[in-house]
Amino acid sequence: MIQHIDAPPPPIRHDRHSSSRAKTRQRILRSTAVLPSLFTICNGLAGFGAIHFSTRQALGEANLVDLRTASILIFLAMVFDMLDGRLARFTRRTSDFGAQLDSLCDMVSFGVAPAMLMVRTVIMAMRGQIERLSFMPHALVLERLVWGVAAVYLACTALRLARFNVENEPNESAHMHFSGLPSPGAASAVASLVILFERLTHFEAGWRSSVWLMCSVSLTLPVISLFAGLLMISRFRYSHVVNQYIRGRRPVGYIVKIVLIVLALFIEPFLTLALVTTGYALSGPIVALRRRIRRDPQTLNQSIPK
């Protein structure tokens, strides 16, 4: 009986050019994977710089220019935070290490830095005004309240980042909405109000003696910071601005809105920046309330027998 032995399959010939292109691509991806980590580190360094400028001088001698610089560094940290995630997903090098590093740097830039900036600005505004305002409590009581608000904000930031790490998905399609206010959005609301306050001082002669301006800062910043901290750990839905409003094809109405915002930034940049960031922070509960109002009449009509 003759046994037929199957001949071995012919060797697969690899195209040298395609192989070299694949190796070059893999080498580029391996080298580019360093960039997200570098941008994340720059995010943390910008936050560290914001803390430095916030605490550069004594409370009684706080410089508004230093506070404005700290606010600008927080916005710079937001730019780095946006770019590192983009680079990681673009190069397909997302990892647990990158996620943990990003959260640590975000805690510095969007947790510690805004809280310290708010405390220094409010206490500086209150100094010298307590004696002139009989309805306000003692300065020490107010300072303790401000520190308490900053502590709540910092704790909420830590909880928000920890929850995001657990629920985060590397898929780009999953990054269309956020559950709770993102920590950069909360930090931008605080920083933009400090920049607006610094801008208003140029129009106010003798700003240290301006009671209304100091009272506005002393009340607005802690309240916004407290609400921003609580909104970070809420379940309100917030839109991802870049993925939902800028990427891809959009109706003409979106372009008109963006053009109007850009024009407003050119005309009155500081006020527009404060309104946009604060409006985004408050957009979660506002949209949820509007949806509930729209849904209630439908439920009422369905419950009425015809």
Protein backbone atom coordinates (compact mmCIF):
# COMPACT_ATOMS: atom_id res chain seq x y z
CA MET A 1 0.00 0.00 0.00
CA ILE A 2 1.46 3.26 -1.12
CA GLN A 3 1.06 6.14 1.24
CA HIS A 4 0.84 9.60 -0.24
CA ILE A 5 2.67 12.16 1.83
CA ASP A 6 1.35 15.67 1.38
CA ALA A 7 3.98 18.08 0.29
CA PRO A 8 4.68 20.92 2.72
CA PRO A 9 3.08 24.22 1.81
CA PRO A 10 5.31 26.58 -0.08
CA PRO A 11 7.02 29.19 2.07
CA ILE A 12 5.23 32.47 2.37
CA ARG A 13 7.17 35.22 0.74
CA HIS A 14 6.96 38.48 2.60
CA ASP A 15 7.21 41.69 0.77
CA ARG A 16 10.33 43.43 2.01
CA HIS A 17 8.84 46.85 1.50
CA SER A 18 5.66 46.09 3.45
CA SER A 19 7.68 44.49 6.24
CA SER A 20 9.95 47.51 6.51
CA ARG A 21 6.95 49.84 6.53
CA ALA A 22 5.34 47.84 9.32
CA LYS A 23 8.54 47.91 11.36
CA THR A 24 8.88 51.64 10.80
CA ARG A 25 5.27 52.18 11.87
CA GLN A 26 5.73 50.13 15.02
CA ARG A 27 8.92 52.01 15.83
CA ILE A 28 7.11 55.32 15.38
CA LEU A 29 4.26 54.17 17.61
CA ARG A 30 6.68 53.05 20.31
CA SER A 31 8.52 56.35 20.17
CA THR A 32 5.32 58.43 20.01
CA ALA A 33 3.93 56.66 23.09
CA VAL A 34 6.27 58.77 25.19
CA LEU A 35 4.48 61.98 24.14
CA PRO A 36 1.24 61.38 26.09
CA SER A 37 3.20 60.88 29.29
CA LEU A 38 5.25 64.01 28.63
CA PHE A 39 2.12 66.08 28.09
CA THR A 40 0.62 64.62 31.27
CA ILE A 41 3.73 65.60 33.23
CA CYS A 42 3.49 69.10 31.74
CA ASN A 43 -0.09 69.20 32.99
CA GLY A 44 1.09 68.48 36.53
CA LEU A 45 3.95 70.98 36.28
CA ALA A 46 1.55 73.71 35.15
CA GLY A 47 -0.62 72.95 38.17
CA PHE A 48 2.43 73.10 40.42
CA GLY A 49 3.27 76.50 38.93
CA ALA A 50 -0.27 77.68 39.64
CA ILE A 51 0.12 76.68 43.30
CA HIS A 52 3.46 78.49 43.46
CA PHE A 53 2.07 81.76 42.11
CA SER A 54 -1.02 81.50 44.32
CA THR A 55 1.14 81.26 47.44
CA ARG A 56 4.02 83.41 46.28
CA GLN A 57 3.49 86.24 48.74
CA ALA A 58 1.95 86.70 52.16
CA LEU A 59 -1.83 86.90 52.35
CA GLY A 60 -1.80 90.56 53.28
CA GLU A 61 0.49 91.36 50.35
CA ALA A 62 -1.04 89.14 47.68
CA ASN A 63 -0.41 90.37 44.17
CA LEU A 64 -3.25 90.24 41.66
CA VAL A 65 -0.76 89.63 38.85
CA ASP A 66 0.39 86.43 40.57
CA LEU A 67 -3.20 85.28 40.97
CA ARG A 68 -3.87 85.95 37.30
CA THR A 69 -0.72 84.02 36.36
CA ALA A 70 -1.88 81.09 38.47
CA SER A 71 -5.24 81.13 36.68
CA ILE A 72 -3.56 81.16 33.27
CA LEU A 73 -1.41 78.19 34.27
CA ILE A 74 -4.55 76.25 35.18
CA PHE A 75 -5.89 76.86 31.67
CA LEU A 76 -2.51 75.79 30.27
CA ALA A 77 -2.81 72.57 32.27
CA MET A 78 -6.21 72.03 30.63
CA VAL A 79 -4.58 72.24 27.20
CA PHE A 80 -1.97 69.63 28.16
CA ASP A 81 -4.69 67.43 29.67
CA MET A 82 -6.67 67.55 26.44
CA LEU A 83 -3.65 66.77 24.27
CA ASP A 84 -2.32 63.82 26.26
CA GLY A 85 -5.57 61.88 25.93
CA ARG A 86 -5.74 62.66 22.23
CA LEU A 87 -2.20 61.46 21.64
CA ALA A 88 -2.73 58.30 23.66
CA ARG A 89 -5.83 57.31 21.67
CA PHE A 90 -4.29 58.40 18.37
CA THR A 91 -1.21 56.22 18.88
CA ARG A 92 -3.30 53.43 20.43
CA ARG A 93 -1.06 53.40 23.48
CA THR A 94 -3.66 53.85 26.21
CA SER A 95 -2.67 52.02 29.40
CA ASP A 96 -3.45 51.82 33.09
CA PHE A 97 -0.16 53.56 33.80
CA GLY A 98 -1.20 56.55 31.68
CA ALA A 99 -4.62 56.70 33.33
CA GLN A 100 -3.16 56.70 36.84
CA LEU A 101 -0.52 59.28 35.91
CA ASP A 102 -3.20 61.49 34.38
CA SER A 103 -5.33 61.34 37.53
CA LEU A 104 -2.39 62.22 39.76
CA CYS A 105 -1.53 65.26 37.65
CA ASP A 106 -5.20 66.26 37.40
CA MET A 107 -5.43 66.17 41.18
CA VAL A 108 -2.64 68.74 41.35
CA SER A 109 -3.79 70.98 38.49
CA PHE A 110 -7.58 70.79 38.89
CA GLY A 111 -7.86 69.95 42.57
CA VAL A 112 -5.17 71.52 44.72
CA ALA A 113 -4.38 74.51 42.47
CA PRO A 114 -7.98 75.86 42.08
CA ALA A 115 -8.72 75.30 45.77
CA MET A 116 -5.60 77.21 46.82
CA LEU A 117 -6.28 79.92 44.24
CA MET A 118 -9.81 80.41 45.54
CA VAL A 119 -8.65 80.59 49.17
CA ARG A 120 -5.94 83.13 48.48
CA THR A 121 -8.17 85.35 46.34
CA VAL A 122 -11.11 85.39 48.76
CA ILE A 123 -9.01 85.98 51.87
CA MET A 124 -7.13 88.76 50.11
CA ALA A 125 -10.43 90.37 49.13
CA MET A 126 -11.81 90.10 52.66
CA ARG A 127 -8.80 91.62 54.37
CA GLY A 128 -9.61 95.17 55.42
CA GLN A 129 -13.33 94.89 54.61
CA ILE A 130 -14.67 93.19 57.74
CA GLU A 131 -14.55 96.32 59.83
CA ARG A 132 -16.53 98.25 57.23
CA LEU A 133 -19.30 95.68 56.90
CA SER A 134 -21.24 95.27 60.10
CA PHE A 135 -23.43 92.47 58.74
CA MET A 136 -20.47 90.19 58.00
CA PRO A 137 -19.15 87.85 60.73
CA HIS A 138 -15.67 87.95 62.15
CA ALA A 139 -12.76 87.53 59.72
CA LEU A 140 -11.57 84.32 61.37
CA VAL A 141 -15.01 82.72 60.95
CA LEU A 142 -15.11 83.66 57.27
CA GLU A 143 -11.62 82.32 56.66
CA ARG A 144 -12.58 79.01 58.25
CA LEU A 145 -15.65 78.83 56.02
CA VAL A 146 -13.52 79.49 52.95
CA TRP A 147 -11.06 76.81 53.95
CA GLY A 148 -13.98 74.43 54.51
CA VAL A 149 -15.28 75.10 51.00
CA ALA A 150 -11.80 74.49 49.60
CA ALA A 151 -11.59 71.20 51.50
CA VAL A 152 -14.95 70.07 50.10
CA TYR A 153 -13.84 71.01 46.59
CA LEU A 154 -10.58 69.07 46.99
CA ALA A 155 -12.33 65.98 48.34
CA CYS A 156 -14.89 66.05 45.52
CA THR A 157 -12.09 66.30 42.95
CA ALA A 158 -10.42 63.19 44.37
CA LEU A 159 -13.71 61.27 44.34
CA ARG A 160 -14.48 62.44 40.80
CA LEU A 161 -11.10 61.29 39.44
CA ALA A 162 -11.28 57.94 41.22
CA ARG A 163 -14.77 57.28 39.85
CA PHE A 164 -13.66 58.30 36.36
CA ASN A 165 -10.78 55.79 36.44
CA VAL A 166 -13.17 53.00 37.34
CA GLU A 167 -15.81 53.88 34.75
CA ASN A 168 -13.51 55.09 31.96
CA GLU A 169 -13.38 53.25 28.64
CA PRO A 170 -10.50 53.69 26.16
CA ASN A 171 -12.87 53.63 23.18
CA GLU A 172 -13.21 57.09 21.61
CA SER A 173 -16.95 56.59 20.98
CA ALA A 174 -17.50 56.35 24.74
CA HIS A 175 -16.13 59.87 25.28
CA MET A 176 -19.17 61.82 24.13
CA HIS A 177 -20.55 62.63 27.57
CA PHE A 178 -19.32 62.79 31.14
CA SER A 179 -21.13 61.59 34.25
CA GLY A 180 -20.66 64.55 36.54
CA LEU A 181 -18.80 67.79 35.94
CA PRO A 182 -15.25 67.08 34.69
CA SER A 183 -12.51 68.37 37.00
CA PRO A 184 -11.04 70.65 34.28
CA GLY A 185 -14.47 72.24 33.84
CA ALA A 186 -14.74 72.94 37.56
CA ALA A 187 -11.21 74.37 37.70
CA SER A 188 -11.83 76.58 34.66
CA ALA A 189 -14.89 78.15 36.33
CA VAL A 190 -12.82 79.13 39.38
CA ALA A 191 -9.83 80.35 37.35
CA SER A 192 -11.95 82.41 34.94
CA LEU A 193 -13.65 84.24 37.81
CA VAL A 194 -10.27 85.12 39.30
CA ILE A 195 -9.12 86.49 35.94
CA LEU A 196 -12.34 88.51 35.67
CA PHE A 197 -11.80 89.88 39.17
CA GLU A 198 -8.25 90.92 38.27
CA ARG A 199 -9.58 92.63 35.16
CA LEU A 200 -12.25 94.55 37.05
CA THR A 201 -9.65 96.03 39.36
CA HIS A 202 -8.23 98.00 36.41
CA PHE A 203 -11.54 99.82 36.01
CA GLU A 204 -12.08 100.39 39.72
CA ALA A 205 -10.09 103.28 41.19
CA GLY A 206 -8.84 102.37 44.61
CA TRP A 207 -10.02 98.79 44.28
CA ARG A 208 -8.95 97.83 47.79
CA SER A 209 -11.47 100.34 49.13
CA SER A 210 -14.25 99.15 46.82
CA VAL A 211 -16.69 97.40 49.11
CA TRP A 212 -18.99 96.05 46.40
CA LEU A 213 -16.15 94.46 44.44
CA MET A 214 -14.62 92.83 47.49
CA CYS A 215 -18.01 91.55 48.66
CA SER A 216 -18.75 90.13 45.21
CA VAL A 217 -15.48 88.23 45.16
CA SER A 218 -15.88 87.03 48.75
CA LEU A 219 -19.33 85.61 48.02
CA THR A 220 -19.16 84.49 44.39
CA LEU A 221 -15.94 82.48 44.41
CA PRO A 222 -16.74 80.25 47.41
CA VAL A 223 -20.30 79.62 46.21
CA ILE A 224 -19.19 78.70 42.68
CA SER A 225 -16.38 76.53 44.06
CA LEU A 226 -18.76 74.69 46.38
CA PHE A 227 -21.31 74.05 43.62
CA ALA A 228 -18.55 72.98 41.21
CA GLY A 229 -17.22 70.49 43.75
CA LEU A 230 -20.64 68.98 44.38
CA LEU A 231 -21.41 68.83 40.66
CA MET A 232 -18.22 66.83 40.07
CA ILE A 233 -19.54 63.93 42.17
CA SER A 234 -23.08 64.24 40.80
CA ARG A 235 -24.60 62.13 38.04
CA PHE A 236 -25.62 65.03 35.86
CA ARG A 237 -24.74 64.55 32.21
CA TYR A 238 -22.15 66.89 30.68
CA SER A 239 -21.23 67.05 27.03
CA HIS A 240 -17.72 66.48 25.79
CA VAL A 241 -17.17 69.83 24.07
CA VAL A 242 -14.56 68.68 21.52
CA ASN A 243 -16.12 65.33 20.58
CA GLN A 244 -19.71 66.52 20.49
CA TYR A 245 -19.53 70.06 19.14
CA ILE A 246 -16.32 70.35 17.13
CA ARG A 247 -15.46 66.95 15.63
CA GLY A 248 -17.26 65.57 12.60
CA ARG A 249 -20.08 67.10 10.60
CA ARG A 250 -22.43 69.49 12.36
CA PRO A 251 -25.39 71.64 11.31
CA VAL A 252 -24.91 75.26 10.38
CA GLY A 253 -26.35 76.32 13.73
CA TYR A 254 -23.34 74.89 15.55
CA ILE A 255 -20.98 76.93 13.37
CA VAL A 256 -22.99 80.09 14.04
CA LYS A 257 -22.82 79.52 17.80
CA ILE A 258 -19.06 78.94 17.68
CA VAL A 259 -18.54 82.07 15.59
CA LEU A 260 -20.61 84.14 18.04
CA ILE A 261 -18.59 82.83 20.99
CA VAL A 262 -15.32 83.61 19.21
CA LEU A 263 -16.52 87.14 18.41
CA ALA A 264 -17.57 87.64 22.02
CA LEU A 265 -14.13 86.50 23.14
CA PHE A 266 -12.53 89.11 20.92
CA ILE A 267 -14.85 91.88 22.12
CA GLU A 268 -14.93 91.07 25.84
CA PRO A 269 -12.65 88.08 26.47
CA PHE A 270 -12.62 88.03 30.28
CA LEU A 271 -16.36 88.35 30.81
CA THR A 272 -17.11 85.87 28.01
CA LEU A 273 -14.65 83.34 29.41
CA ALA A 274 -16.23 83.58 32.86
CA LEU A 275 -19.76 83.25 31.44
CA VAL A 276 -18.86 80.27 29.22
CA THR A 277 -17.02 78.30 31.91
CA THR A 278 -19.58 79.03 34.61
CA GLY A 279 -22.41 78.27 32.19
CA TYR A 280 -20.83 74.92 31.33
CA ALA A 281 -20.49 74.07 35.02
CA LEU A 282 -24.19 74.83 35.55
CA SER A 283 -25.33 73.22 32.29
CA GLY A 284 -25.71 69.75 33.83
CA PRO A 285 -28.52 70.52 36.30
CA ILE A 286 -30.09 73.05 33.93
CA VAL A 287 -30.36 70.51 31.09
CA ALA A 288 -31.63 67.83 33.48
CA LEU A 289 -34.31 70.19 34.81
CA ARG A 290 -35.36 71.17 31.29
CA ARG A 291 -35.68 67.51 30.25
CA ARG A 292 -37.76 66.76 33.30
CA ILE A 293 -40.07 69.69 32.59
CA ARG A 294 -40.52 68.49 29.02
CA ARG A 295 -41.17 64.91 30.10
CA ASP A 296 -43.71 65.67 32.82
CA PRO A 297 -46.45 67.01 30.48
CA GLN A 298 -46.19 63.86 28.34
CA THR A 299 -46.53 61.66 31.41
CA LEU A 300 -49.50 63.72 32.56
CA ASN A 301 -51.26 63.41 29.22
CA GLN A 302 -50.73 59.65 29.11
CA SER A 303 -52.20 59.23 32.60
CA ILE A 304 -55.47 61.02 31.66
CA PRO A 305 -58.04 58.51 30.29
CA LYS A 306 -59.49 59.36 26.90
